């Protein structure tokens, strides 16, 4: 089913609301409250995996705006370096993130780690494809991988309906739609649940199951 206009409007609205909420918390110096929303996203991930990434995360919302500007200006970015494509790097970032939060709390020093992550992701995505952040650096994605076996909801490409045109792969922000022997498949483990592939598919070949 193609992503309906109502669903796109709903997603844009939800992303805007949470971006404004995040900005308000930063302005008030209470960005730590976002950890509660972050934890709620982890609970949702047991069913919808990275729904938080595609609909709530302020980092992804900012990157969408950046991508829109880049597309208008026809600006290209670089592919992630090979040394970045190692699963342990985001775990190091996650451990560092947690350790910094614990230490700052013990020392009674306020460090807006989530804000710094947003700034880092934005700067990185100015130069490299955004998949570099989503797949290889984001600490949240490291946690989400732990829920993979509990998750049943995922986007699948119906081979009977798919015409192997590749438009879904070309529009995937995380580059997780692969072509093997002229058959496309979605790496659901890294899917951001943005439903953009459904939106651009003209053959209704992508189903949420």
N, C-alpha and C. Protein backbone atom coordinates (compact mmCIF):
# COMPACT_ATOMS: atom_id res chain seq x y z
N UNK A 1 0.85 -1.19 0.00
CA UNK A 1 0.00 0.00 0.00
C UNK A 1 0.88 1.24 0.00
N UNK A 2 0.61 2.18 -0.89
CA UNK A 2 1.36 3.42 -0.92
C UNK A 2 1.09 4.21 0.36
N UNK A 3 2.11 4.89 0.81
CA UNK A 3 1.95 5.71 1.99
C UNK A 3 0.97 6.83 1.67
N UNK A 4 -0.13 6.88 2.38
CA UNK A 4 -1.16 7.86 2.10
C UNK A 4 -0.72 9.25 2.51
N UNK A 5 -1.38 10.22 1.92
CA UNK A 5 -1.07 11.61 2.25
C UNK A 5 -1.32 11.88 3.73
N UNK A 6 -2.39 11.28 4.27
CA UNK A 6 -2.70 11.48 5.68
C UNK A 6 -1.60 10.95 6.59
N UNK A 7 -1.02 9.80 6.21
CA UNK A 7 0.05 9.23 7.03
C UNK A 7 1.29 10.11 6.99
N UNK A 8 1.59 10.66 5.81
CA UNK A 8 2.74 11.54 5.70
C UNK A 8 2.54 12.81 6.52
N UNK A 9 1.33 13.37 6.46
CA UNK A 9 1.03 14.56 7.25
C UNK A 9 1.14 14.24 8.73
N UNK A 10 0.63 13.08 9.14
CA UNK A 10 0.69 12.67 10.54
C UNK A 10 2.12 12.53 11.01
N UNK A 11 2.96 11.89 10.19
CA UNK A 11 4.36 11.71 10.56
C UNK A 11 5.06 13.05 10.68
N UNK A 12 4.84 13.95 9.71
CA UNK A 12 5.46 15.27 9.76
C UNK A 12 5.02 16.04 11.01
N UNK A 13 3.75 15.90 11.35
CA UNK A 13 3.21 16.60 12.51
C UNK A 13 3.83 16.07 13.80
N UNK A 14 3.92 14.74 13.90
CA UNK A 14 4.49 14.12 15.10
C UNK A 14 5.97 14.50 15.24
N UNK A 15 6.69 14.47 14.13
CA UNK A 15 8.11 14.83 14.18
C UNK A 15 8.28 16.29 14.60
N UNK A 16 7.43 17.17 14.08
CA UNK A 16 7.52 18.59 14.43
C UNK A 16 7.22 18.80 15.91
N UNK A 17 6.20 18.12 16.42
CA UNK A 17 5.84 18.25 17.83
C UNK A 17 6.99 17.83 18.74
N UNK A 18 7.59 16.69 18.43
CA UNK A 18 8.68 16.21 19.28
C UNK A 18 9.94 17.05 19.11
N UNK A 19 10.17 17.60 17.92
CA UNK A 19 11.32 18.49 17.74
C UNK A 19 11.13 19.76 18.55
N UNK A 20 9.90 20.30 18.56
CA UNK A 20 9.62 21.49 19.36
C UNK A 20 9.74 21.18 20.85
N UNK A 21 9.27 19.98 21.25
CA UNK A 21 9.39 19.58 22.65
C UNK A 21 10.85 19.46 23.05
N UNK A 22 11.66 18.85 22.19
CA UNK A 22 13.09 18.71 22.46
C UNK A 22 13.74 20.09 22.58
N UNK A 23 13.39 20.98 21.66
CA UNK A 23 13.95 22.35 21.68
C UNK A 23 13.55 23.07 22.96
N UNK A 24 12.32 22.86 23.40
CA UNK A 24 11.84 23.50 24.63
C UNK A 24 12.62 22.98 25.84
N UNK A 25 12.85 21.66 25.88
CA UNK A 25 13.60 21.07 26.99
C UNK A 25 15.04 21.57 27.01
N UNK A 26 15.63 21.73 25.83
CA UNK A 26 16.99 22.27 25.76
C UNK A 26 17.01 23.71 26.27
N UNK A 27 16.02 24.49 25.84
CA UNK A 27 15.94 25.90 26.25
C UNK A 27 15.77 26.03 27.77
N UNK A 28 15.00 25.11 28.34
CA UNK A 28 14.74 25.14 29.78
C UNK A 28 15.84 24.45 30.58
N UNK A 29 16.77 23.81 29.89
CA UNK A 29 17.83 23.11 30.59
C UNK A 29 17.39 21.81 31.22
N UNK A 30 16.31 21.24 30.68
CA UNK A 30 15.78 19.98 31.22
C UNK A 30 15.81 18.86 30.18
N UNK A 31 16.84 18.86 29.35
CA UNK A 31 16.89 17.89 28.25
C UNK A 31 16.97 16.45 28.77
N UNK A 32 17.37 16.29 30.05
CA UNK A 32 17.44 14.94 30.62
C UNK A 32 16.06 14.27 30.64
N UNK A 33 15.01 15.08 30.64
CA UNK A 33 13.65 14.53 30.62
C UNK A 33 13.43 13.71 29.35
N UNK A 34 14.19 14.03 28.32
CA UNK A 34 14.05 13.30 27.06
C UNK A 34 14.37 11.82 27.23
N UNK A 35 15.15 11.50 28.25
CA UNK A 35 15.49 10.10 28.51
C UNK A 35 14.22 9.28 28.72
N UNK A 36 13.17 9.88 29.29
CA UNK A 36 11.90 9.18 29.49
C UNK A 36 11.30 8.81 28.14
N UNK A 37 11.31 9.78 27.21
CA UNK A 37 10.79 9.52 25.86
C UNK A 37 11.67 8.49 25.17
N UNK A 38 12.96 8.59 25.39
CA UNK A 38 13.91 7.64 24.84
C UNK A 38 13.58 6.22 25.31
N UNK A 39 13.30 6.10 26.60
CA UNK A 39 12.94 4.79 27.15
C UNK A 39 11.63 4.28 26.59
N UNK A 40 10.67 5.19 26.38
CA UNK A 40 9.40 4.81 25.77
C UNK A 40 9.63 4.27 24.36
N UNK A 41 10.59 4.90 23.65
CA UNK A 41 10.93 4.43 22.30
C UNK A 41 11.49 3.02 22.32
N UNK A 42 12.24 2.69 23.37
CA UNK A 42 12.78 1.34 23.50
C UNK A 42 11.67 0.31 23.69
N UNK A 43 10.64 0.69 24.47
CA UNK A 43 9.51 -0.21 24.66
C UNK A 43 8.77 -0.44 23.34
N UNK A 44 8.56 0.63 22.59
CA UNK A 44 7.90 0.51 21.29
C UNK A 44 8.70 -0.38 20.35
N UNK A 45 10.02 -0.34 20.50
CA UNK A 45 10.89 -1.11 19.60
C UNK A 45 10.66 -2.61 19.71
N UNK A 46 10.07 -3.06 20.81
CA UNK A 46 9.79 -4.48 20.96
C UNK A 46 8.77 -4.94 19.91
N UNK A 47 8.00 -4.00 19.38
CA UNK A 47 7.00 -4.33 18.35
C UNK A 47 7.36 -3.70 17.01
N UNK A 48 7.74 -2.41 17.06
CA UNK A 48 7.95 -1.65 15.82
C UNK A 48 9.41 -1.30 15.57
N UNK A 49 10.32 -1.95 16.25
CA UNK A 49 11.75 -1.69 16.13
C UNK A 49 12.06 -0.20 16.16
N UNK A 50 12.52 0.38 15.07
CA UNK A 50 13.03 1.75 15.10
C UNK A 50 11.96 2.79 14.75
N UNK A 51 10.76 2.58 15.29
CA UNK A 51 9.70 3.58 15.12
C UNK A 51 10.14 4.92 15.71
N UNK A 52 10.82 4.87 16.85
CA UNK A 52 11.34 6.09 17.46
C UNK A 52 12.21 6.85 16.48
N UNK A 53 13.04 6.13 15.73
CA UNK A 53 13.97 6.77 14.80
C UNK A 53 13.24 7.53 13.69
N UNK A 54 12.21 6.89 13.13
CA UNK A 54 11.53 7.46 11.98
C UNK A 54 10.46 8.47 12.30
N UNK A 55 9.95 8.47 13.56
CA UNK A 55 8.80 9.31 13.87
C UNK A 55 9.03 10.29 15.03
N UNK A 56 9.99 10.01 15.91
CA UNK A 56 10.14 10.81 17.13
C UNK A 56 11.51 11.48 17.24
N UNK A 57 12.55 10.78 16.88
CA UNK A 57 13.92 11.26 17.10
C UNK A 57 14.18 12.64 16.50
N UNK A 58 14.59 13.63 17.31
CA UNK A 58 14.87 14.96 16.79
C UNK A 58 16.05 14.98 15.83
N UNK A 59 16.98 14.04 16.01
CA UNK A 59 18.12 13.97 15.10
C UNK A 59 17.66 13.64 13.69
N UNK A 60 16.79 12.64 13.57
CA UNK A 60 16.29 12.26 12.25
C UNK A 60 15.47 13.39 11.62
N UNK A 61 14.71 14.11 12.43
CA UNK A 61 13.92 15.22 11.92
C UNK A 61 14.81 16.31 11.34
N UNK A 62 15.88 16.64 12.06
CA UNK A 62 16.83 17.65 11.59
C UNK A 62 17.51 17.17 10.30
N UNK A 63 17.83 15.89 10.24
CA UNK A 63 18.48 15.35 9.04
C UNK A 63 17.53 15.37 7.85
N UNK A 64 16.25 15.19 8.08
CA UNK A 64 15.26 15.28 6.99
C UNK A 64 15.25 16.68 6.39
N UNK A 65 15.33 17.67 7.25
CA UNK A 65 15.37 19.06 6.78
C UNK A 65 16.64 19.31 5.98
N UNK A 66 17.75 18.79 6.50
CA UNK A 66 19.02 18.93 5.79
C UNK A 66 18.97 18.26 4.43
N UNK A 67 18.39 17.06 4.37
CA UNK A 67 18.29 16.33 3.11
C UNK A 67 17.42 17.07 2.10
N UNK A 68 16.35 17.68 2.58
CA UNK A 68 15.47 18.45 1.69
C UNK A 68 16.23 19.60 1.06
N UNK A 69 17.05 20.29 1.85
CA UNK A 69 17.86 21.40 1.34
C UNK A 69 18.91 20.89 0.36
N UNK A 70 19.56 19.79 0.70
CA UNK A 70 20.58 19.22 -0.18
C UNK A 70 19.99 18.79 -1.52
N UNK A 71 18.78 18.20 -1.48
CA UNK A 71 18.14 17.79 -2.72
C UNK A 71 17.79 18.98 -3.61
N UNK A 72 17.36 20.07 -2.98
CA UNK A 72 17.04 21.27 -3.73
C UNK A 72 18.28 21.88 -4.37
N UNK A 73 19.41 21.78 -3.65
CA UNK A 73 20.66 22.34 -4.15
C UNK A 73 21.47 21.34 -4.96
N UNK A 74 20.93 20.10 -5.07
CA UNK A 74 21.62 19.03 -5.80
C UNK A 74 23.03 18.81 -5.26
N UNK A 75 23.11 18.75 -3.93
CA UNK A 75 24.40 18.58 -3.24
C UNK A 75 24.62 17.12 -2.90
N UNK A 76 25.80 16.62 -3.23
CA UNK A 76 26.13 15.22 -2.95
C UNK A 76 26.94 15.09 -1.67
N UNK A 77 26.88 13.90 -1.09
CA UNK A 77 27.66 13.60 0.11
C UNK A 77 28.50 12.36 -0.15
N UNK A 78 29.46 12.11 0.74
CA UNK A 78 30.35 10.97 0.59
C UNK A 78 29.77 9.73 1.26
N UNK A 79 30.20 8.56 0.78
CA UNK A 79 29.82 7.31 1.44
C UNK A 79 30.61 7.17 2.73
N UNK A 80 30.07 6.44 3.71
CA UNK A 80 30.80 6.24 4.97
C UNK A 80 32.12 5.51 4.72
N UNK A 81 33.20 5.92 5.39
CA UNK A 81 34.48 5.22 5.26
C UNK A 81 34.36 3.76 5.71
N UNK A 82 35.17 2.90 5.15
CA UNK A 82 35.07 1.48 5.47
C UNK A 82 35.33 1.20 6.95
N UNK A 83 36.26 1.94 7.55
CA UNK A 83 36.60 1.65 8.96
C UNK A 83 35.44 1.99 9.89
N UNK A 84 34.51 2.84 9.41
CA UNK A 84 33.35 3.19 10.23
C UNK A 84 32.35 2.04 10.27
N UNK A 85 32.35 1.22 9.23
CA UNK A 85 31.34 0.17 9.10
C UNK A 85 31.67 -1.04 9.96
N UNK A 86 31.90 -0.77 11.21
CA UNK A 86 32.20 -1.82 12.18
C UNK A 86 31.22 -1.68 13.34
N UNK A 87 30.57 -2.78 13.68
CA UNK A 87 29.49 -2.73 14.65
C UNK A 87 29.87 -2.24 16.03
N UNK A 88 31.17 -2.33 16.38
CA UNK A 88 31.56 -2.00 17.75
C UNK A 88 31.67 -0.50 18.01
N UNK A 89 31.73 0.31 16.95
CA UNK A 89 31.92 1.74 17.15
C UNK A 89 30.73 2.36 17.86
N UNK A 90 29.51 2.01 17.46
CA UNK A 90 28.35 2.60 18.11
C UNK A 90 28.19 2.11 19.55
N UNK A 91 28.75 0.92 19.83
CA UNK A 91 28.73 0.45 21.21
C UNK A 91 29.66 1.28 22.08
N UNK A 92 30.80 1.68 21.52
CA UNK A 92 31.72 2.55 22.25
C UNK A 92 31.05 3.89 22.54
N UNK A 93 30.33 4.42 21.54
CA UNK A 93 29.62 5.68 21.73
C UNK A 93 28.53 5.53 22.79
N UNK A 94 27.83 4.40 22.77
CA UNK A 94 26.78 4.15 23.76
C UNK A 94 27.34 4.09 25.17
N UNK A 95 28.43 3.33 25.35
CA UNK A 95 29.05 3.21 26.68
C UNK A 95 29.56 4.57 27.14
N UNK A 96 30.16 5.33 26.22
CA UNK A 96 30.67 6.66 26.56
C UNK A 96 29.52 7.59 26.95
N UNK A 97 28.39 7.47 26.24
CA UNK A 97 27.21 8.27 26.51
C UNK A 97 26.69 8.00 27.92
N UNK A 98 26.53 6.72 28.25
CA UNK A 98 26.01 6.34 29.57
C UNK A 98 26.99 6.73 30.67
N UNK A 99 28.28 6.49 30.44
CA UNK A 99 29.30 6.81 31.44
C UNK A 99 29.34 8.31 31.72
N UNK A 100 29.24 9.11 30.67
CA UNK A 100 29.27 10.57 30.84
C UNK A 100 28.06 11.05 31.63
N UNK A 101 26.90 10.45 31.37
CA UNK A 101 25.69 10.84 32.09
C UNK A 101 25.81 10.49 33.58
N UNK A 102 26.36 9.31 33.87
CA UNK A 102 26.51 8.88 35.27
C UNK A 102 27.50 9.77 36.00
N UNK A 103 28.64 10.04 35.36
CA UNK A 103 29.67 10.86 35.99
C UNK A 103 29.17 12.29 36.21
N UNK A 104 28.48 12.85 35.21
CA UNK A 104 27.98 14.22 35.33
C UNK A 104 26.94 14.33 36.45
N UNK A 105 26.15 13.27 36.64
CA UNK A 105 25.15 13.28 37.71
C UNK A 105 25.85 13.21 39.08
N UNK A 106 26.89 12.38 39.18
CA UNK A 106 27.61 12.25 40.45
C UNK A 106 28.33 13.55 40.81
N UNK A 107 28.82 14.24 39.78
CA UNK A 107 29.54 15.50 40.02
C UNK A 107 28.61 16.70 40.04
N UNK A 108 27.31 16.40 39.82
CA UNK A 108 26.30 17.46 39.79
C UNK A 108 26.61 18.51 38.73
N UNK A 109 27.07 18.01 37.59
CA UNK A 109 27.37 18.88 36.44
C UNK A 109 26.43 18.50 35.31
N UNK A 110 25.75 19.49 34.76
CA UNK A 110 24.77 19.22 33.70
C UNK A 110 25.45 19.23 32.34
N UNK A 111 25.40 18.08 31.65
CA UNK A 111 25.95 17.96 30.30
C UNK A 111 24.85 17.46 29.38
N UNK A 112 24.48 18.24 28.42
CA UNK A 112 23.39 17.88 27.50
C UNK A 112 23.90 16.93 26.41
N UNK A 113 24.11 15.67 26.78
CA UNK A 113 24.68 14.70 25.85
C UNK A 113 23.80 14.49 24.62
N UNK A 114 22.48 14.49 24.82
CA UNK A 114 21.58 14.27 23.69
C UNK A 114 21.70 15.41 22.68
N UNK A 115 21.83 16.62 23.19
CA UNK A 115 22.01 17.78 22.31
C UNK A 115 23.32 17.66 21.55
N UNK A 116 24.37 17.22 22.23
CA UNK A 116 25.67 17.07 21.57
C UNK A 116 25.63 15.98 20.50
N UNK A 117 24.86 14.92 20.77
CA UNK A 117 24.69 13.88 19.77
C UNK A 117 24.00 14.42 18.52
N UNK A 118 22.99 15.27 18.74
CA UNK A 118 22.28 15.87 17.61
C UNK A 118 23.22 16.72 16.77
N UNK A 119 24.02 17.53 17.44
CA UNK A 119 24.97 18.39 16.73
C UNK A 119 25.98 17.55 15.97
N UNK A 120 26.49 16.49 16.61
CA UNK A 120 27.47 15.62 15.97
C UNK A 120 26.88 14.93 14.74
N UNK A 121 25.65 14.42 14.88
CA UNK A 121 24.99 13.74 13.77
C UNK A 121 24.77 14.71 12.60
N UNK A 122 24.38 15.94 12.91
CA UNK A 122 24.14 16.94 11.88
C UNK A 122 25.43 17.27 11.12
N UNK A 123 26.51 17.49 11.85
CA UNK A 123 27.79 17.82 11.22
C UNK A 123 28.28 16.67 10.35
N UNK A 124 28.18 15.45 10.88
CA UNK A 124 28.62 14.27 10.11
C UNK A 124 27.82 14.13 8.83
N UNK A 125 26.49 14.37 8.93
CA UNK A 125 25.62 14.19 7.77
C UNK A 125 25.73 15.32 6.75
N UNK A 126 26.40 16.40 7.13
CA UNK A 126 26.69 17.45 6.15
C UNK A 126 27.71 16.98 5.13
N UNK A 127 28.53 16.01 5.55
CA UNK A 127 29.62 15.54 4.71
C UNK A 127 29.37 14.14 4.18
N UNK A 128 28.84 13.26 5.05
CA UNK A 128 28.64 11.87 4.68
C UNK A 128 27.16 11.53 4.59
N UNK A 129 26.87 10.44 3.88
CA UNK A 129 25.50 9.94 3.78
C UNK A 129 24.94 9.70 5.18
N UNK A 130 23.66 10.00 5.37
CA UNK A 130 23.10 9.90 6.72
C UNK A 130 23.09 8.48 7.27
N UNK A 131 23.23 7.47 6.41
CA UNK A 131 23.30 6.10 6.90
C UNK A 131 24.49 5.90 7.84
N UNK A 132 25.52 6.76 7.67
CA UNK A 132 26.69 6.65 8.53
C UNK A 132 26.29 6.83 9.99
N UNK A 133 25.38 7.76 10.25
CA UNK A 133 24.91 7.95 11.62
C UNK A 133 23.93 6.86 12.02
N UNK A 134 22.90 6.64 11.19
CA UNK A 134 21.83 5.70 11.54
C UNK A 134 22.34 4.27 11.76
N UNK A 135 23.25 3.81 10.91
CA UNK A 135 23.66 2.41 10.94
C UNK A 135 24.92 2.14 11.74
N UNK A 136 25.83 3.10 11.79
CA UNK A 136 27.15 2.80 12.33
C UNK A 136 27.56 3.60 13.57
N UNK A 137 26.86 4.71 13.86
CA UNK A 137 27.30 5.55 14.97
C UNK A 137 26.23 5.76 16.04
N UNK A 138 24.97 5.72 15.68
CA UNK A 138 23.90 6.02 16.63
C UNK A 138 23.86 5.01 17.78
N UNK A 139 24.00 5.48 19.02
CA UNK A 139 23.97 4.55 20.17
C UNK A 139 22.61 3.90 20.36
N UNK A 140 21.55 4.60 19.96
CA UNK A 140 20.20 4.03 20.09
C UNK A 140 20.06 2.79 19.22
N UNK A 141 20.65 2.82 18.03
CA UNK A 141 20.55 1.66 17.14
C UNK A 141 21.23 0.43 17.73
N UNK A 142 22.26 0.67 18.55
CA UNK A 142 22.93 -0.45 19.22
C UNK A 142 21.97 -1.13 20.19
N UNK A 143 21.21 -0.33 20.94
CA UNK A 143 20.24 -0.89 21.87
C UNK A 143 19.10 -1.60 21.15
N UNK A 144 18.66 -1.00 20.04
CA UNK A 144 17.55 -1.58 19.29
C UNK A 144 17.90 -2.96 18.76
N UNK A 145 19.15 -3.17 18.40
CA UNK A 145 19.56 -4.48 17.89
C UNK A 145 19.33 -5.60 18.90
N UNK A 146 19.29 -5.24 20.17
CA UNK A 146 19.05 -6.23 21.21
C UNK A 146 17.62 -6.75 21.20
N UNK A 147 16.71 -5.98 20.59
CA UNK A 147 15.29 -6.37 20.56
C UNK A 147 14.91 -7.06 19.26
N UNK A 148 15.88 -7.36 18.43
CA UNK A 148 15.58 -7.90 17.09
C UNK A 148 14.77 -9.18 17.14
N UNK A 149 15.08 -10.08 18.06
CA UNK A 149 14.41 -11.38 18.11
C UNK A 149 12.99 -11.28 18.65
N UNK A 150 12.68 -10.17 19.33
CA UNK A 150 11.34 -10.01 19.88
C UNK A 150 10.41 -9.30 18.93
N UNK A 151 10.95 -8.82 17.81
CA UNK A 151 10.18 -7.97 16.91
C UNK A 151 9.59 -8.77 15.77
N UNK A 152 8.30 -8.59 15.51
CA UNK A 152 7.64 -9.31 14.43
C UNK A 152 7.18 -8.41 13.30
N UNK A 153 7.00 -7.11 13.59
CA UNK A 153 6.52 -6.18 12.59
C UNK A 153 7.69 -5.68 11.73
N UNK A 154 7.57 -5.87 10.42
CA UNK A 154 8.63 -5.39 9.54
C UNK A 154 8.11 -5.19 8.12
N UNK A 155 8.81 -4.38 7.36
CA UNK A 155 8.45 -4.15 5.97
C UNK A 155 9.08 -5.22 5.09
N UNK A 156 8.26 -5.81 4.22
CA UNK A 156 8.73 -6.86 3.33
C UNK A 156 8.35 -6.54 1.89
N UNK A 157 9.19 -6.94 0.96
CA UNK A 157 8.92 -6.74 -0.46
C UNK A 157 8.35 -8.02 -1.04
N UNK A 158 7.18 -7.92 -1.62
CA UNK A 158 6.51 -9.06 -2.24
C UNK A 158 7.13 -9.32 -3.61
N UNK A 159 7.82 -10.44 -3.74
CA UNK A 159 8.49 -10.77 -5.00
C UNK A 159 7.53 -10.86 -6.19
N UNK A 160 6.29 -11.25 -5.91
CA UNK A 160 5.32 -11.41 -6.99
C UNK A 160 4.87 -10.07 -7.56
N UNK A 161 4.91 -9.04 -6.72
CA UNK A 161 4.48 -7.71 -7.17
C UNK A 161 5.65 -6.81 -7.57
N UNK A 162 6.82 -7.09 -7.02
CA UNK A 162 7.99 -6.25 -7.28
C UNK A 162 8.45 -6.38 -8.74
N UNK A 163 8.73 -5.23 -9.36
CA UNK A 163 9.20 -5.19 -10.76
C UNK A 163 10.70 -4.91 -10.84
N UNK A 164 11.35 -4.91 -9.70
CA UNK A 164 12.81 -4.69 -9.63
C UNK A 164 13.23 -3.38 -10.29
N UNK A 165 12.42 -2.35 -10.11
CA UNK A 165 12.76 -1.05 -10.70
C UNK A 165 13.83 -0.32 -9.88
N UNK A 166 13.92 -0.64 -8.59
CA UNK A 166 14.95 -0.07 -7.74
C UNK A 166 14.64 1.30 -7.15
N UNK A 167 13.43 1.81 -7.40
CA UNK A 167 13.10 3.14 -6.90
C UNK A 167 13.06 3.18 -5.38
N UNK A 168 12.67 2.07 -4.76
CA UNK A 168 12.63 2.02 -3.29
C UNK A 168 14.04 2.12 -2.72
N UNK A 169 14.98 1.39 -3.32
CA UNK A 169 16.37 1.41 -2.86
C UNK A 169 16.98 2.80 -3.03
N UNK A 170 16.64 3.46 -4.11
CA UNK A 170 17.20 4.79 -4.38
C UNK A 170 16.68 5.85 -3.41
N UNK A 171 15.53 5.59 -2.81
CA UNK A 171 14.92 6.58 -1.92
C UNK A 171 15.06 6.24 -0.44
N UNK A 172 15.64 5.09 -0.13
CA UNK A 172 15.80 4.71 1.27
C UNK A 172 16.89 5.56 1.92
N UNK A 173 16.56 6.31 2.97
CA UNK A 173 17.56 7.17 3.62
C UNK A 173 18.66 6.41 4.33
N UNK A 174 18.41 5.14 4.63
CA UNK A 174 19.39 4.36 5.37
C UNK A 174 20.10 3.33 4.50
N UNK A 175 19.78 3.32 3.21
CA UNK A 175 20.43 2.40 2.25
C UNK A 175 20.41 0.94 2.71
N UNK A 176 19.22 0.48 3.11
CA UNK A 176 19.14 -0.89 3.61
C UNK A 176 18.26 -1.78 2.72
N UNK A 177 17.98 -1.31 1.50
CA UNK A 177 17.26 -2.14 0.53
C UNK A 177 18.27 -2.65 -0.49
N UNK A 178 18.49 -3.96 -0.47
CA UNK A 178 19.55 -4.56 -1.26
C UNK A 178 19.01 -5.27 -2.49
N UNK A 179 19.81 -5.29 -3.54
CA UNK A 179 19.47 -5.99 -4.77
C UNK A 179 20.39 -7.20 -4.92
N UNK A 180 19.82 -8.38 -4.76
CA UNK A 180 20.59 -9.62 -4.91
C UNK A 180 19.94 -10.45 -6.01
N UNK A 181 20.68 -10.66 -7.10
CA UNK A 181 20.16 -11.40 -8.25
C UNK A 181 18.86 -10.79 -8.77
N UNK A 182 18.86 -9.46 -8.84
CA UNK A 182 17.72 -8.70 -9.36
C UNK A 182 16.47 -8.86 -8.50
N UNK A 183 16.66 -9.21 -7.24
CA UNK A 183 15.55 -9.27 -6.29
C UNK A 183 15.87 -8.36 -5.11
N UNK A 184 14.94 -7.51 -4.79
CA UNK A 184 15.16 -6.54 -3.72
C UNK A 184 14.61 -7.04 -2.39
N UNK A 185 15.35 -6.75 -1.33
CA UNK A 185 14.91 -7.13 0.01
C UNK A 185 15.32 -6.04 1.00
N UNK A 186 14.57 -5.93 2.09
CA UNK A 186 14.80 -4.89 3.09
C UNK A 186 15.48 -5.49 4.31
N UNK A 187 16.60 -4.89 4.71
CA UNK A 187 17.27 -5.30 5.94
C UNK A 187 16.48 -4.70 7.11
N UNK A 188 15.49 -5.41 7.55
CA UNK A 188 14.57 -4.87 8.55
C UNK A 188 15.26 -4.48 9.85
N UNK A 189 16.40 -5.08 10.12
CA UNK A 189 17.14 -4.79 11.35
C UNK A 189 17.53 -3.32 11.46
N UNK A 190 17.76 -2.68 10.31
CA UNK A 190 18.19 -1.29 10.30
C UNK A 190 17.12 -0.35 9.75
N UNK A 191 15.90 -0.85 9.53
CA UNK A 191 14.83 -0.04 8.95
C UNK A 191 14.38 1.04 9.93
N UNK A 192 14.27 2.29 9.45
CA UNK A 192 13.88 3.41 10.30
C UNK A 192 12.37 3.57 10.43
N UNK A 193 11.62 2.73 9.76
CA UNK A 193 10.15 2.83 9.77
C UNK A 193 9.66 4.19 9.29
N UNK A 194 10.35 4.75 8.30
CA UNK A 194 9.90 6.02 7.73
C UNK A 194 8.88 5.81 6.62
N UNK A 195 8.78 4.56 6.13
CA UNK A 195 7.81 4.16 5.11
C UNK A 195 7.99 4.88 3.77
N UNK A 196 9.17 5.46 3.56
CA UNK A 196 9.40 6.16 2.31
C UNK A 196 9.41 5.20 1.13
N UNK A 197 9.87 3.96 1.35
CA UNK A 197 9.90 2.97 0.28
C UNK A 197 8.47 2.63 -0.17
N UNK A 198 7.56 2.52 0.80
CA UNK A 198 6.15 2.30 0.47
C UNK A 198 5.59 3.46 -0.33
N UNK A 199 6.00 4.64 0.05
CA UNK A 199 5.48 5.86 -0.58
C UNK A 199 5.82 5.91 -2.07
N UNK A 200 7.04 5.52 -2.42
CA UNK A 200 7.49 5.66 -3.81
C UNK A 200 7.20 4.43 -4.67
N UNK A 201 6.85 3.31 -4.03
CA UNK A 201 6.58 2.09 -4.81
C UNK A 201 5.26 2.21 -5.58
N UNK A 202 5.34 2.08 -6.89
CA UNK A 202 4.16 2.22 -7.75
C UNK A 202 3.38 0.91 -7.93
N UNK A 203 3.92 -0.16 -7.36
CA UNK A 203 3.32 -1.47 -7.60
C UNK A 203 2.74 -2.10 -6.32
N UNK A 204 2.68 -1.32 -5.25
CA UNK A 204 2.15 -1.80 -3.98
C UNK A 204 2.84 -3.10 -3.54
N UNK A 205 4.15 -3.16 -3.76
CA UNK A 205 4.87 -4.39 -3.50
C UNK A 205 5.45 -4.48 -2.09
N UNK A 206 5.40 -3.37 -1.35
CA UNK A 206 6.00 -3.35 -0.02
C UNK A 206 4.91 -3.36 1.03
N UNK A 207 4.93 -4.40 1.85
CA UNK A 207 3.89 -4.61 2.86
C UNK A 207 4.48 -4.54 4.26
N UNK A 208 3.67 -4.10 5.20
CA UNK A 208 4.07 -4.08 6.59
C UNK A 208 3.47 -5.30 7.27
N UNK A 209 4.30 -6.27 7.62
CA UNK A 209 3.81 -7.53 8.18
C UNK A 209 4.47 -7.82 9.52
